Amino acid sequence: MKPKIYLLAPLLIITAFLLTGCSKQLDKPRELETQVTSVDYTSPSAAKAALVGAYVQFQSYYWEQLALLQVRGDDVNSGGGKSAPYDQAPYHDVDMFVYDANFWMLNSTWDGMFQHILQITAQIDQLEKFREGGVSPALIDQYIAECKVMRAHITLQASRTWGGVFKVDAVNQSGLQVQTKDEIMAWIKSEMEDAAPKLLDMHPGQRTDLKGGITKYAALAIKAMAEQELKDYNAVAATTGEIIASGKFSLYNDFSKEFKTAGKLSSENILELQFSDFNSASGDNWNYLGAFFGPTDWTPAVSSAGGGWGFFEPSEKYIKFMLTRGEKIRLQASVIFTPGGIDKIKSDPAFANLPAWVSNTTPEGDVFLNSPRAYFYSGKHYLPTTELIPGRTDYASNKNYICIRYAEILLMYAEAVTRGGAASAGSADAAVNLVRARAGMPALTGVTSQQVVDEKYAELAMEWAIRFYDMIRLENTAELSYDGRTFTMDKKYLPYPLAQLDKSFLLKEYADTHPDH
């Protein structure tokens, strides 16, 4: 019996759109069609189309996937209601570490992520046929390596979330197996070691064939993340040190604009999901659904701009942490206040006198009003309405979604060095102080591991659950036990969705023999 993990068989996807203007393909993906019988496997252009098909899958995260992956840290609270009964109560429960294996978001996120993984793997199979057809082996090696990076990034997120997951390295599922988190991380490391030397050695914005496409440094960054999960800090220091020493990346000069239009393909971005309205008021667009993160009530500077659902908010704990540190640049960019949120902070006598810049009006003129669902909103998921393409009204339309920033690499390096890793690219102090200088914070000397972890909290909040996974890695249950939550390490993984256990005897068998799942 072959284990079945999908409701539908995967498509062997080849892009059907014309290959004119190839440099724009990554920016403007179209609908895909199955073209198995009409592909010219001797054509480099057709091989490139197969690669673009993989990028379409990589950039097709469902809105609920990123929302679910990011909600469990002490930097984020679920929105959807300030008190019971909550709108989307099961989502609120996940934030409180109360898990329901039958919650639709769990199943949709698992199913969607593994569908994308399998379909990217199908593209690898297709690309091998171009090698057989005589297309340059080096070019096919590069394209397959790009696909492996996409697959590794999604698999990394899945394993961080669920622990033991399927290792998908072939379309044929007869050899499919569930591996432990450590085994998955070791496999990802091996995959990225294989991929990195086959990829272009440049900043992604320098690519002329696929602007913003994957380069060597995305593979190295994902390798370092896997090594960090394995607590191999000497390896983390070496891998992140290689990225730093390359000189290909630098911190973008404006922290706030890094998350806005100006930050698209910035000097800081190692990997990002690219979205666009193509500078047109109507017609094609390719966007992530930003409404989940947007306000239910506001007065936008561009009056026609739409709002959102109010289901995701920075935590009061994070805001007070930042205020206590004297942060302005990062706090103002990361958190958007409502009048009620300001009052809530001020109700604590320790924060009765807030800085004058704390306001419910953003620097760009959007006014966020009180909402029944949220006190605060994420500035990192916000695009000022003055930056919307005229005629486009959806919340945060045309905004890219950054996956890996150079700031994270600097802080990973610094933490690894403070935990015993060899300093191959300068001191931990130097790496941390680069990040702090942009934020207008004073330099540190003799930086400690705890100071680096605090810096990561300040810098990387609301991004890919980085804070949550740091606390899991360090087994810091106290930080995650806040505002009525009690976190224990048996809550580090989400439960496998019941619908997936029903479909896969392998997954069911693994769950039965691994109590932490």
Protein backbone atom coordinates (compact mmCIF):
# COMPACT_ATOMS: atom_id res chain seq x y z
CA MET A 1 0.00 0.00 0.00
CA LYS A 2 1.34 3.45 -0.91
CA PRO A 3 0.74 6.05 1.80
CA LYS A 4 -1.63 8.78 0.67
CA ILE A 5 -1.06 12.22 2.06
CA TYR A 6 -2.99 14.25 -0.51
CA LEU A 7 -6.56 14.33 -1.66
CA LEU A 8 -5.48 15.01 -5.24
CA ALA A 9 -2.55 13.75 -7.27
CA PRO A 10 0.10 16.40 -7.88
CA LEU A 11 0.28 18.16 -11.22
CA LEU A 12 3.50 18.01 -13.20
CA ILE A 13 3.42 21.73 -13.77
CA ILE A 14 4.87 23.62 -16.69
CA THR A 15 4.03 27.28 -17.13
CA ALA A 16 1.78 27.89 -20.12
CA PHE A 17 2.43 31.59 -20.65
CA LEU A 18 4.73 32.88 -23.37
CA LEU A 19 8.40 33.25 -22.61
CA THR A 20 8.80 36.75 -24.00
CA GLY A 21 10.02 39.20 -21.37
CA CYS A 22 11.55 36.44 -19.25
CA SER A 23 13.06 38.88 -16.77
CA LYS A 24 9.54 39.69 -15.59
CA GLN A 25 8.32 36.13 -15.16
CA LEU A 26 9.09 35.92 -11.47
CA ASP A 27 7.30 39.24 -10.97
CA LYS A 28 4.24 38.22 -12.97
CA PRO A 29 3.25 34.56 -12.67
CA ARG A 30 0.16 33.39 -14.53
CA GLU A 31 -2.21 30.50 -14.26
CA LEU A 32 -0.56 27.11 -14.75
CA GLU A 33 -1.62 24.33 -17.03
CA THR A 34 -0.55 20.75 -17.44
CA GLN A 35 1.53 20.53 -20.63
CA VAL A 36 3.09 17.11 -20.26
CA THR A 37 2.79 16.05 -23.91
CA SER A 38 3.84 19.30 -25.60
CA VAL A 39 7.05 20.30 -23.81
CA ASP A 40 10.23 20.77 -25.84
CA TYR A 41 12.82 19.29 -23.51
CA THR A 42 15.64 20.62 -25.68
CA SER A 43 14.62 24.24 -25.00
CA PRO A 44 16.37 26.34 -22.31
CA SER A 45 13.38 28.70 -22.36
CA ALA A 46 11.02 25.86 -21.54
CA ALA A 47 13.35 24.77 -18.72
CA LYS A 48 13.18 28.29 -17.35
CA ALA A 49 9.40 28.13 -17.53
CA ALA A 50 9.49 24.98 -15.40
CA LEU A 51 11.56 26.86 -12.82
CA VAL A 52 9.07 29.73 -12.80
CA GLY A 53 6.33 27.18 -12.16
CA ALA A 54 8.16 26.20 -8.98
CA TYR A 55 8.40 29.85 -7.92
CA VAL A 56 4.65 30.21 -8.39
CA GLN A 57 4.14 27.35 -5.95
CA PHE A 58 6.65 28.79 -3.48
CA GLN A 59 4.93 32.17 -3.52
CA SER A 60 1.41 30.74 -3.21
CA TYR A 61 1.14 30.62 0.58
CA TYR A 62 -2.50 30.56 1.68
CA TRP A 63 -3.45 33.48 3.92
CA GLU A 64 -4.16 31.14 6.82
CA GLN A 65 -0.75 29.48 6.59
CA LEU A 66 1.35 32.48 7.56
CA ALA A 67 -1.27 33.59 10.08
CA LEU A 68 -1.16 30.23 11.87
CA LEU A 69 2.62 29.81 11.73
CA GLN A 70 3.27 33.18 13.34
CA VAL A 71 0.78 33.47 16.21
CA ARG A 72 2.37 31.55 19.10
CA GLY A 73 5.22 33.78 20.25
CA ASP A 74 5.13 36.37 23.02
CA ASP A 75 5.53 39.06 20.35
CA VAL A 76 2.11 38.34 18.83
CA ASN A 77 -1.46 37.94 20.02
CA SER A 78 -4.36 36.68 17.98
CA GLY A 79 -6.89 39.37 17.24
CA GLY A 80 -10.54 38.62 16.68
CA GLY A 81 -11.93 39.89 19.96
CA LYS A 82 -10.70 41.50 23.14
CA SER A 83 -12.67 39.14 25.34
CA ALA A 84 -14.79 36.01 24.97
CA PRO A 85 -16.65 35.05 22.87
CA TYR A 86 -13.87 35.36 20.32
CA ASP A 87 -14.37 35.52 16.59
CA GLN A 88 -12.44 32.50 15.26
CA ALA A 89 -12.08 31.14 18.79
CA PRO A 90 -9.92 28.14 17.74
CA TYR A 91 -7.33 30.57 16.36
CA HIS A 92 -7.32 32.41 19.68
CA ASP A 93 -6.92 29.06 21.42
CA VAL A 94 -3.77 28.30 19.39
CA ASP A 95 -2.34 31.58 20.65
CA MET A 96 -3.16 30.42 24.19
CA PHE A 97 -1.48 27.02 23.56
CA VAL A 98 -4.78 25.17 23.57
CA TYR A 99 -4.81 23.05 20.43
CA ASP A 100 -7.68 21.41 18.57
CA ALA A 101 -6.49 18.86 16.00
CA ASN A 102 -9.78 19.30 14.14
CA PHE A 103 -9.30 23.07 13.63
CA TRP A 104 -9.62 23.76 9.91
CA MET A 105 -6.61 26.10 9.85
CA LEU A 106 -4.28 23.30 10.96
CA ASN A 107 -5.43 21.00 8.19
CA SER A 108 -5.40 23.67 5.50
CA THR A 109 -1.92 24.82 6.48
CA TRP A 110 -0.48 21.30 6.56
CA ASP A 111 -2.19 20.29 3.32
CA GLY A 112 -1.22 23.48 1.50
CA MET A 113 2.42 23.38 2.57
CA PHE A 114 2.89 19.77 1.51
CA GLN A 115 1.05 20.33 -1.75
CA HIS A 116 3.51 23.11 -2.53
CA ILE A 117 6.44 20.93 -1.49
CA LEU A 118 5.28 18.06 -3.70
CA GLN A 119 4.59 20.26 -6.69
CA ILE A 120 8.03 21.91 -6.40
CA THR A 121 9.47 18.39 -6.28
CA ALA A 122 7.52 17.60 -9.46
CA GLN A 123 9.25 20.53 -11.12
CA ILE A 124 12.61 19.02 -10.18
CA ASP A 125 11.57 15.86 -12.02
CA GLN A 126 10.60 17.94 -15.04
CA LEU A 127 13.92 19.77 -15.01
CA GLU A 128 15.83 16.48 -15.09
CA LYS A 129 14.12 15.78 -18.43
CA PHE A 130 15.64 18.96 -19.84
CA ARG A 131 19.06 17.68 -18.82
CA GLU A 132 18.31 14.51 -20.78
CA GLY A 133 17.20 16.70 -23.69
CA GLY A 134 20.59 18.38 -23.88
CA VAL A 135 20.02 21.65 -22.02
CA SER A 136 23.18 22.86 -20.24
CA PRO A 137 23.81 20.61 -17.22
CA ALA A 138 25.11 23.59 -15.20
CA LEU A 139 21.90 25.52 -15.90
CA ILE A 140 19.73 22.56 -14.88
CA ASP A 141 21.83 22.11 -11.75
CA GLN A 142 21.19 25.75 -10.87
CA TYR A 143 17.45 25.54 -11.50
CA ILE A 144 17.11 22.35 -9.46
CA ALA A 145 19.12 23.93 -6.65
CA GLU A 146 16.69 26.87 -6.63
CA CYS A 147 13.81 24.41 -6.33
CA LYS A 148 15.55 22.64 -3.46
CA VAL A 149 15.89 25.94 -1.59
CA MET A 150 12.17 26.61 -1.98
CA ARG A 151 11.32 23.11 -0.80
CA ALA A 152 13.73 23.38 2.13
CA HIS A 153 12.28 26.68 3.32
CA ILE A 154 8.74 25.32 3.41
CA THR A 155 9.87 22.04 5.00
CA LEU A 156 11.80 23.98 7.65
CA GLN A 157 8.65 25.88 8.62
CA ALA A 158 6.57 22.69 8.65
CA SER A 159 9.04 20.84 10.87
CA ARG A 160 9.40 23.74 13.28
CA THR A 161 5.62 23.73 13.57
CA TRP A 162 4.89 20.01 13.77
CA GLY A 163 8.24 18.40 14.60
CA GLY A 164 8.31 15.11 12.72
CA VAL A 165 7.06 15.58 9.15
CA PHE A 166 7.30 13.91 5.76
CA LYS A 167 10.63 14.12 3.99
CA VAL A 168 9.51 14.70 0.42
CA ASP A 169 12.36 14.29 -2.03
CA ALA A 170 10.54 12.45 -4.83
CA VAL A 171 7.15 12.61 -6.51
CA ASN A 172 6.80 8.84 -6.21
CA GLN A 173 5.45 8.39 -2.70
CA SER A 174 6.35 4.72 -2.36
CA GLY A 175 9.45 5.64 -0.34
CA LEU A 176 7.79 8.36 1.68
CA GLN A 177 8.65 8.48 5.36
CA VAL A 178 8.09 10.63 8.43
CA GLN A 179 11.31 11.81 10.02
CA THR A 180 11.98 13.43 13.37
CA LYS A 181 12.66 17.14 13.52
CA ASP A 182 16.39 16.57 14.01
CA GLU A 183 16.47 14.23 11.02
CA ILE A 184 14.59 16.78 8.90
CA MET A 185 17.01 19.53 9.93
CA ALA A 186 20.01 17.33 9.09
CA TRP A 187 18.46 16.58 5.68
CA ILE A 188 17.82 20.28 5.02
CA LYS A 189 21.43 21.04 5.91
CA SER A 190 22.65 18.37 3.49
CA GLU A 191 20.32 19.62 0.74
CA MET A 192 21.54 23.18 1.15
CA GLU A 193 25.20 22.10 1.17
CA ASP A 194 24.51 20.46 -2.18
CA ALA A 195 22.55 23.43 -3.55
CA ALA A 196 24.70 26.38 -2.50
CA PRO A 197 27.69 25.91 -4.87
CA LYS A 198 25.34 25.46 -7.84
CA LEU A 199 23.56 28.77 -7.28
CA LEU A 200 24.48 32.24 -8.49
CA ASP A 201 26.92 34.03 -6.19
CA MET A 202 25.21 37.41 -5.94
CA HIS A 203 22.52 39.44 -4.23
CA PRO A 204 19.09 38.36 -5.56
CA GLY A 205 18.41 41.88 -6.81
CA GLN A 206 21.43 41.57 -9.13
CA ARG A 207 19.94 38.69 -11.09
CA THR A 208 19.04 39.71 -14.62
CA ASP A 209 17.33 36.47 -15.65
CA LEU A 210 14.85 36.34 -12.74
CA LYS A 211 15.02 39.55 -10.73
CA GLY A 212 14.95 38.72 -7.03
CA GLY A 213 15.33 35.00 -7.60
CA ILE A 214 17.14 32.64 -5.25
CA THR A 215 20.92 32.82 -4.99
CA LYS A 216 23.62 31.00 -3.04
CA TYR A 217 22.96 33.00 0.11
CA ALA A 218 19.38 31.85 0.57
CA ALA A 219 20.70 28.28 0.65
CA LEU A 220 23.34 29.23 3.21
CA ALA A 221 20.81 31.08 5.35
CA ILE A 222 18.43 28.12 5.43
CA LYS A 223 21.36 25.81 6.20
CA ALA A 224 22.26 28.04 9.15
CA MET A 225 18.66 27.97 10.38
CA ALA A 226 18.68 24.18 10.33
CA GLU A 227 22.01 24.16 12.18
CA GLN A 228 20.56 26.54 14.75
CA GLU A 229 17.62 24.20 15.32
CA LEU A 230 20.18 21.43 15.88
CA LYS A 231 22.04 23.72 18.35
CA ASP A 232 25.26 23.31 16.39
CA TYR A 233 26.47 26.81 17.13
CA ASN A 234 29.93 26.37 15.67
CA ALA A 235 28.32 25.42 12.35
CA VAL A 236 25.88 28.36 12.62
CA ALA A 237 28.76 30.76 13.16
CA ALA A 238 30.64 29.35 10.16
CA THR A 239 27.66 29.44 7.80
CA THR A 240 26.37 32.87 8.78
CA GLY A 241 29.98 34.08 8.82
CA GLU A 242 30.28 33.07 5.17
CA ILE A 243 27.25 35.21 4.31
CA ILE A 244 28.63 38.18 6.24
CA ALA A 245 32.10 37.85 4.75
CA SER A 246 30.71 37.76 1.22
CA GLY A 247 29.96 41.48 1.39
CA LYS A 248 26.88 40.94 -0.77
CA PHE A 249 24.41 42.25 1.85
CA SER A 250 24.02 45.26 4.10
CA LEU A 251 21.31 46.59 6.38
CA TYR A 252 18.85 48.83 4.56
CA ASN A 253 19.33 52.36 5.83
CA ASP A 254 15.73 52.89 7.00
CA PHE A 255 14.20 50.21 9.23
CA SER A 256 10.64 51.37 8.61
CA LYS A 257 10.95 51.54 4.82
CA GLU A 258 12.48 48.07 4.74
CA PHE A 259 8.92 46.77 5.13
CA LYS A 260 7.37 49.11 2.58
CA THR A 261 7.64 49.63 -1.17
CA ALA A 262 11.15 51.06 -1.00
CA GLY A 263 12.34 47.87 0.71
CA LYS A 264 11.48 45.56 -2.18
CA LEU A 265 14.66 43.66 -3.10
CA SER A 266 16.62 45.89 -0.74
CA SER A 267 20.29 45.37 0.10
CA GLU A 268 19.12 43.50 3.22
CA ASN A 269 16.80 40.94 1.68
CA ILE A 270 18.17 37.46 1.18
CA LEU A 271 14.86 35.79 0.32
CA GLU A 272 11.44 37.32 -0.19
CA LEU A 273 8.06 36.50 -1.67
CA GLN A 274 7.46 38.96 -4.50
CA PHE A 275 4.05 40.47 -5.14
CA SER A 276 2.89 43.16 -7.53
CA ASP A 277 0.01 45.16 -8.96
CA PHE A 278 2.23 45.79 -12.01
CA ASN A 279 1.80 49.56 -11.64
CA SER A 280 -1.71 49.31 -13.05
CA ALA A 281 -5.03 50.38 -11.57
CA SER A 282 -6.75 47.23 -12.78
CA GLY A 283 -6.10 43.90 -14.39
CA ASP A 284 -3.62 41.27 -13.28
CA ASN A 285 -2.18 41.29 -9.81
CA TRP A 286 -0.28 38.84 -7.65
CA ASN A 287 -0.67 39.47 -3.95
CA TYR A 288 -0.75 37.88 -0.55
CA LEU A 289 -4.05 38.50 1.24
CA GLY A 290 -3.12 41.26 3.68
CA ALA A 291 -6.61 41.74 5.06
CA PHE A 292 -5.95 39.28 7.88
CA PHE A 293 -3.47 41.74 9.39
CA GLY A 294 -5.38 44.92 8.64
CA PRO A 295 -7.62 47.19 10.75
CA THR A 296 -11.37 46.80 11.04
CA ASP A 297 -11.76 50.53 11.65
CA TRP A 298 -9.59 53.33 10.32
CA THR A 299 -9.44 56.58 8.38
CA PRO A 300 -6.88 55.96 5.64
CA ALA A 301 -5.01 58.82 4.02
CA VAL A 302 -6.28 57.49 0.68
CA SER A 303 -9.99 57.39 1.37
CA SER A 304 -10.77 54.54 -1.02
CA ALA A 305 -8.29 52.15 0.63
CA GLY A 306 -9.77 49.04 2.19
CA GLY A 307 -9.17 47.79 5.72
CA GLY A 308 -8.91 44.32 7.15
CA TRP A 309 -10.08 41.73 9.64
CA GLY A 310 -8.17 42.55 12.82
CA PHE A 311 -6.99 39.01 13.59
CA PHE A 312 -3.31 39.64 14.33
CA GLU A 313 -1.75 42.07 16.78
CA PRO A 314 1.60 42.76 18.45
CA SER A 315 1.49 41.80 22.10
CA GLU A 316 1.31 44.29 24.95
CA LYS A 317 4.28 42.42 26.44
CA TYR A 318 6.39 43.20 23.38
CA ILE A 319 5.35 46.86 23.37
CA LYS A 320 6.29 47.31 27.03
CA PHE A 321 9.59 45.50 26.43
CA MET A 322 10.39 47.99 23.69
CA LEU A 323 9.29 51.03 25.67
CA THR A 324 11.43 49.93 28.61
CA ARG A 325 14.46 49.72 26.29
CA GLY A 326 13.84 53.24 25.00
CA GLU A 327 13.14 52.02 21.48
CA LYS A 328 11.53 54.41 19.00
CA ILE A 329 12.58 53.53 15.45
CA ARG A 330 11.79 49.82 15.65
CA LEU A 331 8.74 50.18 17.88
CA GLN A 332 7.15 52.87 15.72
CA ALA A 333 7.78 50.79 12.59
CA SER A 334 6.66 47.47 14.11
CA VAL A 335 3.55 48.49 16.06
CA ILE A 336 0.57 50.60 15.06
CA PHE A 337 -1.49 51.87 17.99
CA THR A 338 -5.22 52.49 18.34
CA PRO A 339 -6.57 55.01 20.87
CA GLY A 340 -7.77 52.10 23.01
CA GLY A 341 -4.36 50.47 22.77
CA ILE A 342 -2.65 53.64 23.95
CA ASP A 343 -5.06 53.85 26.89
CA LYS A 344 -4.43 50.20 27.70
CA ILE A 345 -0.68 50.73 27.89
CA LYS A 346 -1.09 53.91 29.95
CA SER A 347 -3.35 52.13 32.44
CA ASP A 348 -0.17 50.49 33.76
CA PRO A 349 1.34 53.10 36.14
CA ALA A 350 4.83 52.20 34.92
CA PHE A 351 3.83 53.41 31.44
CA ALA A 352 1.48 56.24 32.31
CA ASN A 353 3.64 58.78 30.48
CA LEU A 354 4.26 57.61 26.95
CA PRO A 355 6.64 59.29 24.49
CA ALA A 356 5.02 62.06 22.45
CA TRP A 357 5.51 60.12 19.21
CA VAL A 358 3.16 57.31 20.30
CA SER A 359 0.07 57.95 18.21
CA ASN A 360 -2.73 56.19 16.38
CA THR A 361 -1.76 58.15 13.24
CA THR A 362 1.11 56.67 11.25
CA PRO A 363 3.86 58.94 9.90
CA GLU A 364 2.24 58.53 6.47
CA GLY A 365 -1.13 59.82 7.69
CA ASP A 366 -3.25 56.68 8.09
CA VAL A 367 -5.41 56.90 11.24
CA PHE A 368 -6.12 53.63 13.07
CA LEU A 369 -9.31 53.69 15.16
CA ASN A 370 -10.64 51.57 17.99
CA SER A 371 -11.73 48.09 17.05
CA PRO A 372 -13.65 45.30 18.79
CA ARG A 373 -10.95 42.87 17.61
CA ALA A 374 -7.53 44.39 18.30
CA TYR A 375 -5.72 47.06 20.32
CA PHE A 376 -2.66 47.14 18.06
CA TYR A 377 -1.67 46.25 14.50
CA SER A 378 1.55 45.02 12.93
CA GLY A 379 3.51 47.72 11.15
CA LYS A 380 5.52 45.04 9.37
CA HIS A 381 2.36 43.83 7.61
CA TYR A 382 1.22 47.37 6.77
CA LEU A 383 1.70 49.35 3.59
CA PRO A 384 0.83 53.06 3.80
CA THR A 385 -2.17 53.85 1.65
CA THR A 386 -0.14 56.62 0.03
CA GLU A 387 2.02 53.86 -1.46
CA LEU A 388 -0.85 51.93 -3.02
CA ILE A 389 -0.97 51.90 -6.81
CA PRO A 390 -3.77 54.40 -7.66
CA GLY A 391 -6.94 52.40 -8.23
CA ARG A 392 -5.86 49.49 -6.01
CA THR A 393 -7.73 49.38 -2.71
CA ASP A 394 -6.91 46.07 -0.98
CA TYR A 395 -5.02 46.36 2.31
CA ALA A 396 -1.23 46.18 1.77
CA SER A 397 -1.70 45.37 -1.91
CA ASN A 398 1.61 45.36 -3.83
CA LYS A 399 3.63 44.60 -0.68
CA ASN A 400 6.39 41.97 -0.74
CA TYR A 401 6.71 39.47 2.10
CA ILE A 402 10.27 39.13 3.36
CA CYS A 403 11.40 35.62 4.34
CA ILE A 404 15.03 36.15 5.40
CA ARG A 405 16.76 39.43 6.26
CA TYR A 406 20.45 40.11 6.72
CA ALA A 407 19.64 41.46 10.19
CA GLU A 408 18.58 37.96 11.21
CA ILE A 409 21.84 36.53 9.86
CA LEU A 410 23.91 39.06 11.84
CA LEU A 411 22.04 38.21 15.04
CA MET A 412 22.22 34.46 14.42
CA TYR A 413 25.96 34.87 13.98
CA ALA A 414 26.29 36.92 17.16
CA GLU A 415 24.30 34.43 19.22
CA ALA A 416 26.29 31.50 17.86
CA VAL A 417 29.58 33.21 18.73
CA THR A 418 28.39 33.93 22.28
CA ARG A 419 27.52 30.24 22.60
CA GLY A 420 30.98 29.06 21.62
CA GLY A 421 31.05 29.31 17.83
CA ALA A 422 34.27 30.49 16.19
CA ALA A 423 34.19 34.18 15.24
CA SER A 424 35.01 33.92 11.52
CA ALA A 425 33.45 37.24 10.44
CA GLY A 426 34.15 39.66 13.25
CA SER A 427 33.01 39.88 16.84
CA ALA A 428 29.54 39.32 18.25
CA ASP A 429 29.65 42.92 19.46
CA ALA A 430 30.24 44.21 15.93
CA ALA A 431 27.35 42.20 14.46
CA VAL A 432 24.88 43.25 17.15
CA ASN A 433 25.94 46.87 17.04
CA LEU A 434 25.34 47.10 13.29
CA VAL A 435 21.71 46.20 13.96
CA ARG A 436 21.45 48.49 16.99
CA ALA A 437 23.00 51.46 15.19
CA ARG A 438 20.27 51.44 12.54
CA ALA A 439 17.70 51.37 15.33
CA GLY A 440 19.28 54.39 17.02
CA MET A 441 20.34 52.32 20.01
CA PRO A 442 23.71 52.71 21.81
CA ALA A 443 26.50 50.22 21.20
CA LEU A 444 27.11 47.28 23.53
CA THR A 445 30.41 45.79 24.65
CA GLY A 446 30.98 42.24 25.81
CA VAL A 447 27.59 41.21 24.47
CA THR A 448 26.04 38.14 26.11
CA SER A 449 23.81 35.44 24.69
CA GLN A 450 20.83 36.89 26.55
CA GLN A 451 21.49 40.33 25.11
CA VAL A 452 21.55 38.88 21.61
CA VAL A 453 18.28 37.02 22.22
CA ASP A 454 16.75 40.28 23.46
CA GLU A 455 18.04 42.02 20.34
CA LYS A 456 16.40 39.39 18.18
CA TYR A 457 13.13 40.01 20.03
CA ALA A 458 13.37 43.74 19.34
CA GLU A 459 14.43 43.39 15.71
CA LEU A 460 12.54 40.36 14.39
CA ALA A 461 9.15 40.48 16.13
CA MET A 462 6.14 39.46 14.02
CA GLU A 463 8.41 37.72 11.47
CA TRP A 464 8.01 34.00 10.80
CA ALA A 465 7.60 33.10 14.50
CA ILE A 466 11.36 33.58 14.98
CA ARG A 467 10.83 34.59 18.59
CA PHE A 468 8.72 31.51 19.38
CA TYR A 469 11.25 29.11 17.88
CA ASP A 470 14.08 30.82 19.78
CA MET A 471 12.21 30.27 23.03
CA ILE A 472 11.54 26.63 22.12
CA ARG A 473 15.20 26.05 21.27
CA LEU A 474 16.25 27.59 24.59
CA GLU A 475 13.38 25.89 26.47
CA ASN A 476 12.44 29.26 27.93
CA THR A 477 8.90 28.45 29.05
CA ALA A 478 8.72 31.47 31.37
CA GLU A 479 8.82 34.03 28.54
CA LEU A 480 5.98 32.28 26.72
CA SER A 481 3.87 32.08 29.88
CA TYR A 482 2.37 35.56 29.85
CA ASP A 483 -1.03 37.31 29.98
CA GLY A 484 -2.93 34.24 31.16
CA ARG A 485 -0.96 31.70 29.15
CA THR A 486 0.88 28.76 30.66
CA PHE A 487 3.40 27.28 28.28
CA THR A 488 5.03 23.89 28.76
CA MET A 489 7.37 22.13 26.37
CA ASP A 490 4.74 19.56 25.44
CA LYS A 491 3.02 22.45 23.58
CA LYS A 492 6.00 23.18 21.32
CA TYR A 493 4.40 21.41 18.35
CA LEU A 494 0.94 21.76 16.92
CA PRO A 495 -0.98 18.49 16.79
CA TYR A 496 -1.22 16.68 13.48
CA PRO A 497 -4.54 17.54 11.81
CA LEU A 498 -7.05 14.76 12.26
CA ALA A 499 -7.85 14.82 8.56
CA GLN A 500 -4.20 14.04 7.78
CA LEU A 501 -4.05 11.22 10.32
CA ASP A 502 -7.09 9.72 8.63
CA LYS A 503 -5.36 9.87 5.23
CA SER A 504 -1.91 8.58 6.16
CA PHE A 505 -1.19 5.44 8.15
CA LEU A 506 2.49 6.48 8.24
CA LEU A 507 1.66 9.73 9.98
CA LYS A 508 -0.74 7.95 12.33
CA GLU A 509 1.92 5.36 13.17
CA TYR A 510 4.49 8.08 13.83
CA ALA A 511 2.09 10.03 16.05
CA ASP A 512 1.30 6.88 18.05
CA THR A 513 4.99 6.29 18.78
CA HIS A 514 5.95 9.90 19.49
CA PRO A 515 3.96 11.22 22.47
CA ASP A 516 5.07 14.83 21.97
CA HIS A 517 2.87 14.86 18.85
